[in-house]
Amino acid sequence: MLIQYFLSFLILLIIYRVVIKWKQGILTSRDLIFWIGFWFVVGIIILLPDTTSFMAELVGVGRGADLVVYLSIVLIFYIIFQMTIKIEKLERNITKVVRTVAMKDEVKGDQGRVGGASKNETKNLQQ
């Protein structure tokens, strides 16, 4: 019973931090709703652990703990998938920026410079 109080307090702190991050503009409204909903469900499971057993019976899983594990794995893989998409998008954007900067440097005609370094700097690096 003590663990339920501790975890409930911890969840309230996490929700508080989520709201702070949203107010700072770090999280979108969509993220805010997702994380508050997620932690709300976790709180219900902590305070009413029999709900997982009831839900497990409804979907045909043996134990409530098994259902939680299965759903957690699915959620983790979904989050990894979303993060992979964002990372790939960032890499494409970085490539575009680097190409644009390289083209601008090329157009400026950095005479006497090789790859952004002067000829003397290049000689020093080669030694």
C-alpha atoms as a PDB file:
ATOM      1  CA  MET A   1       0.000   0.000   0.000  1.00  0.00           C
ATOM      2  CA  LEU A   2       2.840   2.389   0.763  1.00  0.00           C
ATOM      3  CA  ILE A   3       4.271   1.812  -2.721  1.00  0.00           C
ATOM      4  CA  GLN A   4       0.955   2.942  -4.227  1.00  0.00           C
ATOM      5  CA  TYR A   5       1.177   6.274  -2.418  1.00  0.00           C
ATOM      6  CA  PHE A   6       4.799   6.735  -3.393  1.00  0.00           C
ATOM      7  CA  LEU A   7       4.173   5.914  -7.060  1.00  0.00           C
ATOM      8  CA  SER A   8       1.064   8.115  -7.137  1.00  0.00           C
ATOM      9  CA  PHE A   9       3.109  11.026  -5.811  1.00  0.00           C
ATOM     10  CA  LEU A  10       5.799  10.291  -8.391  1.00  0.00           C
ATOM     11  CA  ILE A  11       3.200  10.305 -11.181  1.00  0.00           C
ATOM     12  CA  LEU A  12       1.887  13.670 -10.007  1.00  0.00           C
ATOM     13  CA  LEU A  13       5.429  15.046 -10.150  1.00  0.00           C
ATOM     14  CA  ILE A  14       5.882  13.657 -13.653  1.00  0.00           C
ATOM     15  CA  ILE A  15       2.604  15.219 -14.821  1.00  0.00           C
ATOM     16  CA  TYR A  16       3.703  18.519 -13.271  1.00  0.00           C
ATOM     17  CA  ARG A  17       6.991  18.333 -15.237  1.00  0.00           C
ATOM     18  CA  VAL A  18       5.085  17.516 -18.438  1.00  0.00           C
ATOM     19  CA  VAL A  19       2.927  20.625 -17.974  1.00  0.00           C
ATOM     20  CA  ILE A  20       6.021  22.757 -17.285  1.00  0.00           C
ATOM     21  CA  LYS A  21       7.688  21.479 -20.478  1.00  0.00           C
ATOM     22  CA  TRP A  22       4.507  22.279 -22.406  1.00  0.00           C
ATOM     23  CA  LYS A  23       4.404  25.817 -20.993  1.00  0.00           C
ATOM     24  CA  GLN A  24       8.070  26.273 -21.986  1.00  0.00           C
ATOM     25  CA  GLY A  25       7.149  25.280 -25.533  1.00  0.00           C
ATOM     26  CA  ILE A  26       9.239  22.109 -25.465  1.00  0.00           C
ATOM     27  CA  LEU A  27       6.173  19.851 -25.833  1.00  0.00           C
ATOM     28  CA  THR A  28       3.316  20.292 -28.292  1.00  0.00           C
ATOM     29  CA  SER A  29      -0.307  20.180 -27.170  1.00  0.00           C
ATOM     30  CA  ARG A  30      -0.556  16.741 -28.749  1.00  0.00           C
ATOM     31  CA  ASP A  31       2.388  15.534 -26.655  1.00  0.00           C
ATOM     32  CA  LEU A  32       0.866  17.105 -23.544  1.00  0.00           C
ATOM     33  CA  ILE A  33      -2.414  15.236 -24.030  1.00  0.00           C
ATOM     34  CA  PHE A  34      -0.617  11.968 -24.775  1.00  0.00           C
ATOM     35  CA  TRP A  35       1.651  12.088 -21.720  1.00  0.00           C
ATOM     36  CA  ILE A  36      -1.040  13.244 -19.300  1.00  0.00           C
ATOM     37  CA  GLY A  37      -3.324  10.481 -20.592  1.00  0.00           C
ATOM     38  CA  PHE A  38      -0.534   7.920 -20.345  1.00  0.00           C
ATOM     39  CA  TRP A  39       0.374   8.836 -16.778  1.00  0.00           C
ATOM     40  CA  PHE A  40      -3.298   9.005 -15.815  1.00  0.00           C
ATOM     41  CA  VAL A  41      -3.758   5.409 -17.017  1.00  0.00           C
ATOM     42  CA  VAL A  42      -0.609   4.359 -15.156  1.00  0.00           C
ATOM     43  CA  GLY A  43      -2.003   6.008 -12.017  1.00  0.00           C
ATOM     44  CA  ILE A  44      -5.286   4.127 -12.347  1.00  0.00           C
ATOM     45  CA  ILE A  45      -3.383   0.861 -12.755  1.00  0.00           C
ATOM     46  CA  ILE A  46      -1.318   1.614  -9.659  1.00  0.00           C
ATOM     47  CA  LEU A  47      -4.302   2.601  -7.511  1.00  0.00           C
ATOM     48  CA  LEU A  48      -6.607  -0.138  -8.855  1.00  0.00           C
ATOM     49  CA  PRO A  49      -4.370  -3.068  -9.811  1.00  0.00           C
ATOM     50  CA  ASP A  50      -7.331  -5.409 -10.354  1.00  0.00           C
ATOM     51  CA  THR A  51      -8.273  -3.396 -13.448  1.00  0.00           C
ATOM     52  CA  THR A  52      -5.411  -5.006 -15.352  1.00  0.00           C
ATOM     53  CA  SER A  53      -6.681  -8.473 -14.490  1.00  0.00           C
ATOM     54  CA  PHE A  54     -10.172  -7.516 -15.645  1.00  0.00           C
ATOM     55  CA  MET A  55      -8.834  -6.054 -18.912  1.00  0.00           C
ATOM     56  CA  ALA A  56      -6.607  -9.113 -19.423  1.00  0.00           C
ATOM     57  CA  GLU A  57      -9.624 -11.403 -19.151  1.00  0.00           C
ATOM     58  CA  LEU A  58     -11.496  -9.288 -21.702  1.00  0.00           C
ATOM     59  CA  VAL A  59      -8.736  -9.590 -24.305  1.00  0.00           C
ATOM     60  CA  GLY A  60      -7.834 -13.198 -23.506  1.00  0.00           C
ATOM     61  CA  VAL A  61      -4.511 -12.716 -21.726  1.00  0.00           C
ATOM     62  CA  GLY A  62      -3.789 -14.869 -18.674  1.00  0.00           C
ATOM     63  CA  ARG A  63      -2.699 -12.260 -16.127  1.00  0.00           C
ATOM     64  CA  GLY A  64      -2.959  -8.507 -15.780  1.00  0.00           C
ATOM     65  CA  ALA A  65       0.803  -8.204 -15.437  1.00  0.00           C
ATOM     66  CA  ASP A  66       1.227  -9.953 -18.793  1.00  0.00           C
ATOM     67  CA  LEU A  67      -1.144  -7.472 -20.425  1.00  0.00           C
ATOM     68  CA  VAL A  68       0.857  -4.568 -18.996  1.00  0.00           C
ATOM     69  CA  VAL A  69       4.096  -6.060 -20.335  1.00  0.00           C
ATOM     70  CA  TYR A  70       2.617  -6.620 -23.814  1.00  0.00           C
ATOM     71  CA  LEU A  71       1.189  -3.120 -24.017  1.00  0.00           C
ATOM     72  CA  SER A  72       4.427  -1.614 -22.711  1.00  0.00           C
ATOM     73  CA  ILE A  73       6.464  -3.366 -25.386  1.00  0.00           C
ATOM     74  CA  VAL A  74       4.105  -2.147 -28.117  1.00  0.00           C
ATOM     75  CA  LEU A  75       4.263   1.406 -26.744  1.00  0.00           C
ATOM     76  CA  ILE A  76       8.063   1.350 -26.527  1.00  0.00           C
ATOM     77  CA  PHE A  77       8.404   0.175 -30.129  1.00  0.00           C
ATOM     78  CA  TYR A  78       5.949   2.835 -31.281  1.00  0.00           C
ATOM     79  CA  ILE A  79       7.958   5.544 -29.513  1.00  0.00           C
ATOM     80  CA  ILE A  80      11.189   4.189 -31.029  1.00  0.00           C
ATOM     81  CA  PHE A  81       9.534   4.271 -34.465  1.00  0.00           C
ATOM     82  CA  GLN A  82       8.464   7.902 -33.969  1.00  0.00           C
ATOM     83  CA  MET A  83      11.935   8.887 -32.761  1.00  0.00           C
ATOM     84  CA  THR A  84      13.546   7.178 -35.758  1.00  0.00           C
ATOM     85  CA  ILE A  85      11.328   9.163 -38.124  1.00  0.00           C
ATOM     86  CA  LYS A  86      12.237  12.429 -36.363  1.00  0.00           C
ATOM     87  CA  ILE A  87      15.960  11.625 -36.429  1.00  0.00           C
ATOM     88  CA  GLU A  88      15.846  10.856 -40.146  1.00  0.00           C
ATOM     89  CA  LYS A  89      13.999  14.120 -40.785  1.00  0.00           C
ATOM     90  CA  LEU A  90      16.621  16.022 -38.778  1.00  0.00           C
ATOM     91  CA  GLU A  91      19.429  14.344 -40.722  1.00  0.00           C
ATOM     92  CA  ARG A  92      17.802  15.371 -44.022  1.00  0.00           C
ATOM     93  CA  ASN A  93      17.415  18.943 -42.768  1.00  0.00           C
ATOM     94  CA  ILE A  94      21.044  19.076 -41.622  1.00  0.00           C
ATOM     95  CA  THR A  95      22.154  17.782 -45.037  1.00  0.00           C
ATOM     96  CA  LYS A  96      20.116  20.514 -46.763  1.00  0.00           C
ATOM     97  CA  VAL A  97      21.607  23.216 -44.534  1.00  0.00           C
ATOM     98  CA  VAL A  98      25.164  21.970 -45.078  1.00  0.00           C
ATOM     99  CA  ARG A  99      24.610  21.864 -48.852  1.00  0.00           C
ATOM    100  CA  THR A 100      23.179  25.384 -48.833  1.00  0.00           C
ATOM    101  CA  VAL A 101      26.102  26.738 -46.819  1.00  0.00           C
ATOM    102  CA  ALA A 102      28.572  24.912 -49.065  1.00  0.00           C
ATOM    103  CA  MET A 103      26.929  26.360 -52.183  1.00  0.00           C
ATOM    104  CA  LYS A 104      27.023  29.883 -50.716  1.00  0.00           C
ATOM    105  CA  ASP A 105      30.710  29.456 -49.895  1.00  0.00           C
ATOM    106  CA  GLU A 106      31.303  28.212 -53.435  1.00  0.00           C
ATOM    107  CA  VAL A 107      29.469  31.198 -54.917  1.00  0.00           C
ATOM    108  CA  LYS A 108      31.391  33.660 -52.744  1.00  0.00           C
ATOM    109  CA  GLY A 109      34.540  32.279 -54.283  1.00  0.00           C
ATOM    110  CA  ASP A 110      36.653  31.845 -51.193  1.00  0.00           C
ATOM    111  CA  GLN A 111      39.864  32.368 -53.112  1.00  0.00           C
ATOM    112  CA  GLY A 112      42.960  31.180 -51.351  1.00  0.00           C
ATOM    113  CA  ARG A 113      40.875  28.933 -49.149  1.00  0.00           C
ATOM    114  CA  VAL A 114      40.480  25.193 -49.422  1.00  0.00           C
ATOM    115  CA  GLY A 115      37.497  23.630 -47.639  1.00  0.00           C
ATOM    116  CA  GLY A 116      37.082  26.695 -45.432  1.00  0.00           C
ATOM    117  CA  ALA A 117      40.750  26.742 -44.379  1.00  0.00           C
ATOM    118  CA  SER A 118      43.490  28.926 -45.806  1.00  0.00           C
ATOM    119  CA  LYS A 119      46.352  27.323 -47.732  1.00  0.00           C
ATOM    120  CA  ASN A 120      48.712  27.870 -44.782  1.00  0.00           C
ATOM    121  CA  GLU A 121      46.237  26.265 -42.373  1.00  0.00           C
ATOM    122  CA  THR A 122      45.904  23.323 -44.745  1.00  0.00           C
ATOM    123  CA  LYS A 123      49.691  22.887 -44.900  1.00  0.00           C
ATOM    124  CA  ASN A 124      49.878  22.949 -41.086  1.00  0.00           C
ATOM    125  CA  LEU A 125      47.214  20.278 -40.851  1.00  0.00           C
ATOM    126  CA  GLN A 126      49.019  18.052 -43.346  1.00  0.00           C
ATOM    127  CA  GLN A 127      52.274  18.132 -41.356  1.00  0.00           C
END
